[in-house]
Amino acid sequence: MTTPSADPDPSETPGLQDGNGVDPGDTPPSEAGTSGLSAHESKEPSKGLNKAIPIAIVSLVFLFVLFFLVRAALTA
């Protein structure tokens, strides 16, 4: 059994004109005409959460540094 060639002979390809042109309407659409079938997009986090996360990180770093500064001051 022979497998079909990945690069078929243009003389045997239906719909091709001389010079390998294609008749208008013979080409498939550039995009699928289906809508609403894609995966559900998740919602963006709220603006409050977008502000709270960096504030929490900066606060934790500040407390971490403050802890070691106080510890160094008490042992000196």
C-alpha atoms as a PDB file:
ATOM      1  CA  MET A   1       0.000   0.000   0.000  1.00  0.00           C
ATOM      2  CA  THR A   2       1.436   3.356  -0.970  1.00  0.00           C
ATOM      3  CA  THR A   3       1.007   6.480   1.098  1.00  0.00           C
ATOM      4  CA  PRO A   4      -0.114   9.674  -0.608  1.00  0.00           C
ATOM      5  CA  SER A   5       2.596  12.228  -1.177  1.00  0.00           C
ATOM      6  CA  ALA A   6       2.721  15.218   1.129  1.00  0.00           C
ATOM      7  CA  ASP A   7       3.402  17.355  -1.966  1.00  0.00           C
ATOM      8  CA  PRO A   8       0.857  16.241  -4.585  1.00  0.00           C
ATOM      9  CA  ASP A   9       1.346  16.790  -8.298  1.00  0.00           C
ATOM     10  CA  PRO A  10      -0.280  20.131  -9.253  1.00  0.00           C
ATOM     11  CA  SER A  11      -1.566  18.662 -12.518  1.00  0.00           C
ATOM     12  CA  GLU A  12      -3.693  16.219 -10.504  1.00  0.00           C
ATOM     13  CA  THR A  13      -4.886  18.676  -7.869  1.00  0.00           C
ATOM     14  CA  PRO A  14      -8.539  19.689  -8.424  1.00  0.00           C
ATOM     15  CA  GLY A  15      -9.409  23.396  -8.569  1.00  0.00           C
ATOM     16  CA  LEU A  16      -6.038  24.634  -9.856  1.00  0.00           C
ATOM     17  CA  GLN A  17      -5.841  26.708 -13.008  1.00  0.00           C
ATOM     18  CA  ASP A  18      -2.852  26.948 -15.304  1.00  0.00           C
ATOM     19  CA  GLY A  19       0.036  28.536 -13.422  1.00  0.00           C
ATOM     20  CA  ASN A  20      -1.245  27.056 -10.133  1.00  0.00           C
ATOM     21  CA  GLY A  21      -3.882  29.766  -9.671  1.00  0.00           C
ATOM     22  CA  VAL A  22      -7.141  29.083  -7.877  1.00  0.00           C
ATOM     23  CA  ASP A  23     -10.633  30.143  -8.933  1.00  0.00           C
ATOM     24  CA  PRO A  24     -12.295  32.673  -6.611  1.00  0.00           C
ATOM     25  CA  GLY A  25     -14.484  30.859  -4.142  1.00  0.00           C
ATOM     26  CA  ASP A  26     -12.429  27.663  -4.277  1.00  0.00           C
ATOM     27  CA  THR A  27     -10.282  28.599  -1.298  1.00  0.00           C
ATOM     28  CA  PRO A  28     -11.456  27.739   2.199  1.00  0.00           C
ATOM     29  CA  PRO A  29     -12.305  30.571   4.596  1.00  0.00           C
ATOM     30  CA  SER A  30      -9.363  31.988   6.529  1.00  0.00           C
ATOM     31  CA  GLU A  31     -11.110  31.469   9.870  1.00  0.00           C
ATOM     32  CA  ALA A  32     -13.642  29.057  11.216  1.00  0.00           C
ATOM     33  CA  GLY A  33     -17.139  30.450  11.332  1.00  0.00           C
ATOM     34  CA  THR A  34     -17.830  28.994  14.754  1.00  0.00           C
ATOM     35  CA  SER A  35     -18.206  31.276  17.724  1.00  0.00           C
ATOM     36  CA  GLY A  36     -18.744  30.514  21.358  1.00  0.00           C
ATOM     37  CA  LEU A  37     -17.042  27.134  21.256  1.00  0.00           C
ATOM     38  CA  SER A  38     -13.733  28.179  22.771  1.00  0.00           C
ATOM     39  CA  ALA A  39     -12.743  27.532  26.363  1.00  0.00           C
ATOM     40  CA  HIS A  40     -14.279  29.788  28.970  1.00  0.00           C
ATOM     41  CA  GLU A  41     -11.999  32.714  29.730  1.00  0.00           C
ATOM     42  CA  SER A  42     -11.381  33.333  33.389  1.00  0.00           C
ATOM     43  CA  LYS A  43     -12.267  36.673  34.893  1.00  0.00           C
ATOM     44  CA  GLU A  44      -9.551  39.159  35.773  1.00  0.00           C
ATOM     45  CA  PRO A  45      -8.846  39.602  39.487  1.00  0.00           C
ATOM     46  CA  SER A  46     -10.472  42.632  41.053  1.00  0.00           C
ATOM     47  CA  LYS A  47      -8.583  45.920  41.218  1.00  0.00           C
ATOM     48  CA  GLY A  48      -8.503  45.664  45.001  1.00  0.00           C
ATOM     49  CA  LEU A  49      -6.745  42.327  44.838  1.00  0.00           C
ATOM     50  CA  ASN A  50      -4.277  43.712  42.306  1.00  0.00           C
ATOM     51  CA  LYS A  51      -3.330  46.386  44.847  1.00  0.00           C
ATOM     52  CA  ALA A  52      -3.471  44.155  47.943  1.00  0.00           C
ATOM     53  CA  ILE A  53      -0.926  41.581  46.763  1.00  0.00           C
ATOM     54  CA  PRO A  54       1.986  44.035  46.204  1.00  0.00           C
ATOM     55  CA  ILE A  55       1.123  45.839  49.453  1.00  0.00           C
ATOM     56  CA  ALA A  56       1.211  42.525  51.331  1.00  0.00           C
ATOM     57  CA  ILE A  57       4.584  41.594  49.806  1.00  0.00           C
ATOM     58  CA  VAL A  58       6.137  44.978  50.622  1.00  0.00           C
ATOM     59  CA  SER A  59       4.724  44.770  54.167  1.00  0.00           C
ATOM     60  CA  LEU A  60       6.223  41.320  54.723  1.00  0.00           C
ATOM     61  CA  VAL A  61       9.630  42.450  53.470  1.00  0.00           C
ATOM     62  CA  PHE A  62       9.445  45.532  55.711  1.00  0.00           C
ATOM     63  CA  LEU A  63       8.584  43.402  58.767  1.00  0.00           C
ATOM     64  CA  PHE A  64      11.391  40.969  57.917  1.00  0.00           C
ATOM     65  CA  VAL A  65      13.949  43.781  57.739  1.00  0.00           C
ATOM     66  CA  LEU A  66      12.532  45.466  60.853  1.00  0.00           C
ATOM     67  CA  PHE A  67      12.807  42.191  62.806  1.00  0.00           C
ATOM     68  CA  PHE A  68      16.514  41.870  62.057  1.00  0.00           C
ATOM     69  CA  LEU A  69      17.190  45.581  62.738  1.00  0.00           C
ATOM     70  CA  VAL A  70      15.524  45.340  66.160  1.00  0.00           C
ATOM     71  CA  ARG A  71      17.327  42.079  66.905  1.00  0.00           C
ATOM     72  CA  ALA A  72      20.677  43.628  65.973  1.00  0.00           C
ATOM     73  CA  ALA A  73      19.939  46.704  68.119  1.00  0.00           C
ATOM     74  CA  LEU A  74      19.057  44.566  71.149  1.00  0.00           C
ATOM     75  CA  THR A  75      22.176  42.391  70.923  1.00  0.00           C
ATOM     76  CA  ALA A  76      24.561  45.305  70.437  1.00  0.00           C
END
